[in-house]
C-alpha cells in the first residue's frame, strides 16, 4: 500500500530523496535523520505530531503446507 504511493510521490518530486526503511523498531527520528515517518499503531512520543492516514485490518495468513509443517507433518 505504501510503496506504490511513495513511487508516485517520487515521480512528482524528483528532487526529493526518499528512503524506505521497514523496521519493527521505533527508531529515534532525529538521530536517524528522518523528516517523515509512517508508523503503525498508537503515537508513543507526545513530542511528535501524527495524523491518521487510514485504518486497515491485519490478517494472519499461511499456506496449507506451512500449517501442516507446524503439526509435525
PDB file of N, CA and C in Angstrom:
ATOM      1  N   UNK A   1       0.813  -1.187   0.000  1.00  0.00           N
ATOM      2  CA  UNK A   1       0.000   0.000   0.000  1.00  0.00           C
ATOM      3  C   UNK A   1       0.867   1.267   0.000  1.00  0.00           C
ATOM      4  N   UNK A   2       1.934   1.266   0.751  1.00  0.00           N
ATOM      5  CA  UNK A   2       2.780   2.458   0.895  1.00  0.00           C
ATOM      6  C   UNK A   2       3.740   2.616  -0.283  1.00  0.00           C
ATOM      7  N   UNK A   3       4.374   1.540  -0.699  1.00  0.00           N
ATOM      8  CA  UNK A   3       5.409   1.615  -1.733  1.00  0.00           C
ATOM      9  C   UNK A   3       4.891   2.221  -3.036  1.00  0.00           C
ATOM     10  N   UNK A   4       3.732   1.810  -3.563  1.00  0.00           N
ATOM     11  CA  UNK A   4       3.250   2.450  -4.792  1.00  0.00           C
ATOM     12  C   UNK A   4       3.013   3.951  -4.617  1.00  0.00           C
ATOM     13  N   UNK A   5       2.551   4.355  -3.459  1.00  0.00           N
ATOM     14  CA  UNK A   5       2.331   5.783  -3.209  1.00  0.00           C
ATOM     15  C   UNK A   5       3.657   6.536  -3.134  1.00  0.00           C
ATOM     16  N   UNK A   6       4.661   5.933  -2.509  1.00  0.00           N
ATOM     17  CA  UNK A   6       5.988   6.561  -2.460  1.00  0.00           C
ATOM     18  C   UNK A   6       6.578   6.701  -3.855  1.00  0.00           C
ATOM     19  N   UNK A   7       6.383   5.693  -4.684  1.00  0.00           N
ATOM     20  CA  UNK A   7       6.882   5.734  -6.057  1.00  0.00           C
ATOM     21  C   UNK A   7       6.229   6.864  -6.839  1.00  0.00           C
ATOM     22  N   UNK A   8       4.923   6.996  -6.705  1.00  0.00           N
ATOM     23  CA  UNK A   8       4.214   8.070  -7.402  1.00  0.00           C
ATOM     24  C   UNK A   8       4.656   9.435  -6.875  1.00  0.00           C
ATOM     25  N   UNK A   9       4.833   9.545  -5.566  1.00  0.00           N
ATOM     26  CA  UNK A   9       5.283  10.799  -4.962  1.00  0.00           C
ATOM     27  C   UNK A   9       6.676  11.166  -5.450  1.00  0.00           C
ATOM     28  N   UNK A  10       7.553  10.174  -5.569  1.00  0.00           N
ATOM     29  CA  UNK A  10       8.917  10.396  -6.059  1.00  0.00           C
ATOM     30  C   UNK A  10       8.906  10.894  -7.497  1.00  0.00           C
ATOM     31  N   UNK A  11       8.019  10.362  -8.311  1.00  0.00           N
ATOM     32  CA  UNK A  11       7.903  10.832  -9.699  1.00  0.00           C
ATOM     33  C   UNK A  11       7.469  12.294  -9.761  1.00  0.00           C
ATOM     34  N   UNK A  12       6.585  12.683  -8.858  1.00  0.00           N
ATOM     35  CA  UNK A  12       6.099  14.064  -8.828  1.00  0.00           C
ATOM     36  C   UNK A  12       7.128  15.025  -8.260  1.00  0.00           C
ATOM     37  N   UNK A  13       8.049  14.505  -7.433  1.00  0.00           N
ATOM     38  CA  UNK A  13       9.050  15.344  -6.756  1.00  0.00           C
ATOM     39  C   UNK A  13      10.439  14.727  -6.908  1.00  0.00           C
ATOM     40  N   UNK A  14      10.997  14.766  -8.117  1.00  0.00           N
ATOM     41  CA  UNK A  14      12.254  14.065  -8.381  1.00  0.00           C
ATOM     42  C   UNK A  14      13.454  14.631  -7.606  1.00  0.00           C
ATOM     43  N   UNK A  15      13.365  15.846  -7.091  1.00  0.00           N
ATOM     44  CA  UNK A  15      14.487  16.422  -6.348  1.00  0.00           C
ATOM     45  C   UNK A  15      14.527  15.972  -4.891  1.00  0.00           C
ATOM     46  N   UNK A  16      13.481  15.318  -4.430  1.00  0.00           N
ATOM     47  CA  UNK A  16      13.475  14.806  -3.058  1.00  0.00           C
ATOM     48  C   UNK A  16      14.153  13.449  -3.005  1.00  0.00           C
ATOM     49  N   UNK A  17      14.854  13.208  -1.923  1.00  0.00           N
ATOM     50  CA  UNK A  17      15.459  11.889  -1.708  1.00  0.00           C
ATOM     51  C   UNK A  17      14.557  11.125  -0.758  1.00  0.00           C
ATOM     52  N   UNK A  18      14.017  10.028  -1.228  1.00  0.00           N
ATOM     53  CA  UNK A  18      13.120   9.208  -0.423  1.00  0.00           C
ATOM     54  C   UNK A  18      13.835   7.903  -0.110  1.00  0.00           C
ATOM     55  N   UNK A  19      13.846   7.576   1.165  1.00  0.00           N
ATOM     56  CA  UNK A  19      14.473   6.333   1.614  1.00  0.00           C
ATOM     57  C   UNK A  19      13.430   5.547   2.380  1.00  0.00           C
ATOM     58  N   UNK A  20      13.158   4.342   1.932  1.00  0.00           N
ATOM     59  CA  UNK A  20      12.187   3.479   2.600  1.00  0.00           C
ATOM     60  C   UNK A  20      12.936   2.575   3.568  1.00  0.00           C
ATOM     61  N   UNK A  21      12.552   2.631   4.820  1.00  0.00           N
ATOM     62  CA  UNK A  21      13.139   1.774   5.847  1.00  0.00           C
ATOM     63  C   UNK A  21      12.000   1.038   6.531  1.00  0.00           C
ATOM     64  N   UNK A  22      12.008  -0.266   6.469  1.00  0.00           N
ATOM     65  CA  UNK A  22      10.998  -1.071   7.143  1.00  0.00           C
ATOM     66  C   UNK A  22      11.625  -1.687   8.388  1.00  0.00           C
ATOM     67  N   UNK A  23      10.989  -1.460   9.525  1.00  0.00           N
ATOM     68  CA  UNK A  23      11.550  -1.941  10.774  1.00  0.00           C
ATOM     69  C   UNK A  23      10.454  -2.069  11.810  1.00  0.00           C
ATOM     70  N   UNK A  24      10.630  -2.982  12.744  1.00  0.00           N
ATOM     71  CA  UNK A  24       9.700  -3.081  13.867  1.00  0.00           C
ATOM     72  C   UNK A  24      10.170  -2.228  15.039  1.00  0.00           C
ATOM     73  N   UNK A  25      11.371  -1.694  14.938  1.00  0.00           N
ATOM     74  CA  UNK A  25      11.906  -0.838  15.998  1.00  0.00           C
ATOM     75  C   UNK A  25      11.323   0.565  15.871  1.00  0.00           C
ATOM     76  N   UNK A  26      11.215   1.251  16.989  1.00  0.00           N
ATOM     77  CA  UNK A  26      10.776   2.637  16.955  1.00  0.00           C
ATOM     78  C   UNK A  26      12.015   3.517  17.090  1.00  0.00           C
ATOM     79  N   UNK A  27      12.716   3.666  15.988  1.00  0.00           N
ATOM     80  CA  UNK A  27      13.962   4.428  15.951  1.00  0.00           C
ATOM     81  C   UNK A  27      13.739   5.890  16.285  1.00  0.00           C
ATOM     82  N   UNK A  28      14.768   6.524  16.794  1.00  0.00           N
ATOM     83  CA  UNK A  28      14.746   7.960  17.054  1.00  0.00           C
ATOM     84  C   UNK A  28      14.801   8.680  15.712  1.00  0.00           C
ATOM     85  N   UNK A  29      13.753   9.425  15.400  1.00  0.00           N
ATOM     86  CA  UNK A  29      13.659  10.077  14.094  1.00  0.00           C
ATOM     87  C   UNK A  29      14.732  11.136  13.909  1.00  0.00           C
ATOM     88  N   UNK A  30      15.109  11.824  14.966  1.00  0.00           N
ATOM     89  CA  UNK A  30      16.120  12.882  14.870  1.00  0.00           C
ATOM     90  C   UNK A  30      17.496  12.283  14.603  1.00  0.00           C
ATOM     91  N   UNK A  31      17.912  11.325  15.434  1.00  0.00           N
ATOM     92  CA  UNK A  31      19.251  10.748  15.230  1.00  0.00           C
ATOM     93  C   UNK A  31      19.321   9.936  13.935  1.00  0.00           C
ATOM     94  N   UNK A  32      18.178   9.388  13.493  1.00  0.00           N
ATOM     95  CA  UNK A  32      18.134   8.662  12.229  1.00  0.00           C
ATOM     96  C   UNK A  32      18.023   9.573  11.026  1.00  0.00           C
ATOM     97  N   UNK A  33      17.902  10.887  11.272  1.00  0.00           N
ATOM     98  CA  UNK A  33      17.802  11.916  10.240  1.00  0.00           C
ATOM     99  C   UNK A  33      16.587  11.718   9.342  1.00  0.00           C
ATOM    100  N   UNK A  34      15.452  11.338   9.958  1.00  0.00           N
ATOM    101  CA  UNK A  34      14.197  11.196   9.234  1.00  0.00           C
ATOM    102  C   UNK A  34      13.412  12.491   9.336  1.00  0.00           C
ATOM    103  N   UNK A  35      12.834  12.924   8.223  1.00  0.00           N
ATOM    104  CA  UNK A  35      11.940  14.076   8.235  1.00  0.00           C
ATOM    105  C   UNK A  35      10.492  13.634   8.426  1.00  0.00           C
ATOM    106  N   UNK A  36      10.168  12.449   7.908  1.00  0.00           N
ATOM    107  CA  UNK A  36       8.810  11.923   7.970  1.00  0.00           C
ATOM    108  C   UNK A  36       8.880  10.435   8.246  1.00  0.00           C
ATOM    109  N   UNK A  37       7.947   9.942   9.050  1.00  0.00           N
ATOM    110  CA  UNK A  37       7.850   8.502   9.311  1.00  0.00           C
ATOM    111  C   UNK A  37       6.393   8.087   9.181  1.00  0.00           C
ATOM    112  N   UNK A  38       6.184   6.907   8.643  1.00  0.00           N
ATOM    113  CA  UNK A  38       4.849   6.310   8.601  1.00  0.00           C
ATOM    114  C   UNK A  38       4.917   5.099   9.507  1.00  0.00           C
ATOM    115  N   UNK A  39       4.143   5.149  10.566  1.00  0.00           N
ATOM    116  CA  UNK A  39       4.180   4.076  11.563  1.00  0.00           C
ATOM    117  C   UNK A  39       2.790   3.515  11.783  1.00  0.00           C
ATOM    118  N   UNK A  40       2.762   2.258  12.203  1.00  0.00           N
ATOM    119  CA  UNK A  40       1.506   1.599  12.549  1.00  0.00           C
ATOM    120  C   UNK A  40       1.336   1.647  14.058  1.00  0.00           C
ATOM    121  N   UNK A  41       0.114   1.822  14.501  1.00  0.00           N
ATOM    122  CA  UNK A  41      -0.160   1.783  15.934  1.00  0.00           C
ATOM    123  C   UNK A  41      -0.358   3.156  16.527  1.00  0.00           C
ATOM    124  N   UNK A  42      -0.295   3.212  17.824  1.00  0.00           N
ATOM    125  CA  UNK A  42      -0.522   4.456  18.559  1.00  0.00           C
ATOM    126  C   UNK A  42       0.756   5.281  18.646  1.00  0.00           C
ATOM    127  N   UNK A  43       0.576   6.583  18.778  1.00  0.00           N
ATOM    128  CA  UNK A  43       1.694   7.509  18.930  1.00  0.00           C
ATOM    129  C   UNK A  43       2.287   7.349  20.330  1.00  0.00           C
ATOM    130  N   UNK A  44       3.544   6.917  20.399  1.00  0.00           N
ATOM    131  CA  UNK A  44       4.181   6.660  21.691  1.00  0.00           C
ATOM    132  C   UNK A  44       4.863   7.900  22.260  1.00  0.00           C
ATOM    133  N   UNK A  45       5.290   8.815  21.437  1.00  0.00           N
ATOM    134  CA  UNK A  45       6.033  10.004  21.879  1.00  0.00           C
ATOM    135  C   UNK A  45       5.165  11.234  21.659  1.00  0.00           C
ATOM    136  N   UNK A  46       4.765  11.893  22.723  1.00  0.00           N
ATOM    137  CA  UNK A  46       3.860  13.030  22.602  1.00  0.00           C
ATOM    138  C   UNK A  46       4.525  14.270  22.021  1.00  0.00           C
ATOM    139  N   UNK A  47       5.856  14.238  21.809  1.00  0.00           N
ATOM    140  CA  UNK A  47       6.519  15.383  21.187  1.00  0.00           C
ATOM    141  C   UNK A  47       6.407  15.339  19.664  1.00  0.00           C
ATOM    142  N   UNK A  48       5.926  14.215  19.131  1.00  0.00           N
ATOM    143  CA  UNK A  48       5.743  14.080  17.692  1.00  0.00           C
ATOM    144  C   UNK A  48       4.329  14.484  17.308  1.00  0.00           C
ATOM    145  N   UNK A  49       4.163  14.852  16.072  1.00  0.00           N
ATOM    146  CA  UNK A  49       2.847  15.189  15.531  1.00  0.00           C
ATOM    147  C   UNK A  49       2.418  14.050  14.624  1.00  0.00           C
ATOM    148  N   UNK A  50       1.183  13.612  14.751  1.00  0.00           N
ATOM    149  CA  UNK A  50       0.710  12.476  13.964  1.00  0.00           C
ATOM    150  C   UNK A  50      -0.631  12.790  13.326  1.00  0.00           C
ATOM    151  N   UNK A  51      -0.891  12.126  12.203  1.00  0.00           N
ATOM    152  CA  UNK A  51      -2.176  12.222  11.518  1.00  0.00           C
ATOM    153  C   UNK A  51      -2.571  10.833  11.051  1.00  0.00           C
ATOM    154  N   UNK A  52      -3.811  10.478  11.242  1.00  0.00           N
ATOM    155  CA  UNK A  52      -4.311   9.186  10.796  1.00  0.00           C
ATOM    156  C   UNK A  52      -4.396   9.179   9.274  1.00  0.00           C
ATOM    157  N   UNK A  53      -3.735   8.229   8.640  1.00  0.00           N
ATOM    158  CA  UNK A  53      -3.787   8.104   7.180  1.00  0.00           C
ATOM    159  C   UNK A  53      -4.907   7.170   6.743  1.00  0.00           C
ATOM    160  N   UNK A  54      -5.068   6.068   7.475  1.00  0.00           N
ATOM    161  CA  UNK A  54      -6.073   5.083   7.102  1.00  0.00           C
ATOM    162  C   UNK A  54      -6.177   4.037   8.199  1.00  0.00           C
ATOM    163  N   UNK A  55      -7.213   3.258   8.140  1.00  0.00           N
ATOM    164  CA  UNK A  55      -7.381   2.100   9.020  1.00  0.00           C
ATOM    165  C   UNK A  55      -7.423   0.863   8.134  1.00  0.00           C
ATOM    166  N   UNK A  56      -6.882  -0.233   8.640  1.00  0.00           N
ATOM    167  CA  UNK A  56      -6.921  -1.474   7.882  1.00  0.00           C
ATOM    168  C   UNK A  56      -6.809  -2.641   8.846  1.00  0.00           C
ATOM    169  N   UNK A  57      -7.205  -3.779   8.370  1.00  0.00           N
ATOM    170  CA  UNK A  57      -7.148  -4.995   9.184  1.00  0.00           C
ATOM    171  C   UNK A  57      -5.852  -5.745   8.900  1.00  0.00           C
ATOM    172  N   UNK A  58      -5.313  -6.361   9.928  1.00  0.00           N
ATOM    173  CA  UNK A  58      -4.149  -7.234   9.777  1.00  0.00           C
ATOM    174  C   UNK A  58      -4.656  -8.657   9.968  1.00  0.00           C
ATOM    175  N   UNK A  59      -4.480  -9.483   8.950  1.00  0.00           N
ATOM    176  CA  UNK A  59      -4.996 -10.843   8.974  1.00  0.00           C
ATOM    177  C   UNK A  59      -3.850 -11.844   8.947  1.00  0.00           C
ATOM    178  N   UNK A  60      -3.849 -12.802   9.868  1.00  0.00           N
ATOM    179  CA  UNK A  60      -2.817 -13.849   9.804  1.00  0.00           C
ATOM    180  C   UNK A  60      -3.137 -14.798   8.649  1.00  0.00           C
ATOM    181  N   UNK A  61      -2.145 -15.089   7.831  1.00  0.00           N
ATOM    182  CA  UNK A  61      -2.329 -15.992   6.701  1.00  0.00           C
ATOM    183  C   UNK A  61      -1.174 -16.983   6.646  1.00  0.00           C
ATOM    184  N   UNK A  62      -1.444 -18.155   6.095  1.00  0.00           N
ATOM    185  CA  UNK A  62      -0.414 -19.188   5.937  1.00  0.00           C
ATOM    186  C   UNK A  62      -0.843 -20.136   4.843  1.00  0.00           C
ATOM    187  N   UNK A  63       0.128 -20.739   4.183  1.00  0.00           N
ATOM    188  CA  UNK A  63      -0.188 -21.750   3.174  1.00  0.00           C
ATOM    189  C   UNK A  63      -0.549 -23.046   3.865  1.00  0.00           C
ATOM    190  N   UNK A  64      -1.277 -23.907   3.198  1.00  0.00           N
ATOM    191  CA  UNK A  64      -1.592 -25.224   3.782  1.00  0.00           C
ATOM    192  C   UNK A  64      -0.313 -25.986   4.148  1.00  0.00           C
ATOM    193  N   UNK A  65       0.727 -25.845   3.330  1.00  0.00           N
ATOM    194  CA  UNK A  65       1.984 -26.539   3.612  1.00  0.00           C
ATOM    195  C   UNK A  65       2.606 -26.047   4.917  1.00  0.00           C
ATOM    196  N   UNK A  66       2.592 -24.739   5.125  1.00  0.00           N
ATOM    197  CA  UNK A  66       3.158 -24.193   6.354  1.00  0.00           C
ATOM    198  C   UNK A  66       2.363 -24.642   7.570  1.00  0.00           C
ATOM    199  N   UNK A  67       1.048 -24.713   7.429  1.00  0.00           N
ATOM    200  CA  UNK A  67       0.223 -25.171   8.539  1.00  0.00           C
ATOM    201  C   UNK A  67       0.458 -26.642   8.852  1.00  0.00           C
ATOM    202  N   UNK A  68       0.588 -27.466   7.828  1.00  0.00           N
ATOM    203  CA  UNK A  68       0.819 -28.900   8.081  1.00  0.00           C
ATOM    204  C   UNK A  68       2.226 -29.134   8.618  1.00  0.00           C
ATOM    205  N   UNK A  69       3.201 -28.325   8.222  1.00  0.00           N
ATOM    206  CA  UNK A  69       4.564 -28.463   8.752  1.00  0.00           C
ATOM    207  C   UNK A  69       4.604 -28.142  10.239  1.00  0.00           C
ATOM    208  N   UNK A  70       3.750 -27.222  10.678  1.00  0.00           N
ATOM    209  CA  UNK A  70       3.692 -26.865  12.086  1.00  0.00           C
ATOM    210  C   UNK A  70       3.069 -27.952  12.932  1.00  0.00           C
ATOM    211  N   UNK A  71       2.422 -28.951  12.300  1.00  0.00           N
ATOM    212  CA  UNK A  71       1.787 -30.039  13.026  1.00  0.00           C
ATOM    213  C   UNK A  71       2.634 -31.308  12.977  1.00  0.00           C
ATOM    214  N   UNK A  72       3.880 -31.139  12.569  1.00  0.00           N
ATOM    215  CA  UNK A  72       4.778 -32.295  12.533  1.00  0.00           C
ATOM    216  C   UNK A  72       4.605 -33.157  11.308  1.00  0.00           C
ATOM    217  N   UNK A  73       3.932 -32.592  10.282  1.00  0.00           N
ATOM    218  CA  UNK A  73       3.665 -33.474   9.271  1.00  0.00           C
ATOM    219  C   UNK A  73       3.850 -33.404   7.902  1.00  0.00           C
TER     220      UNK A  73
END
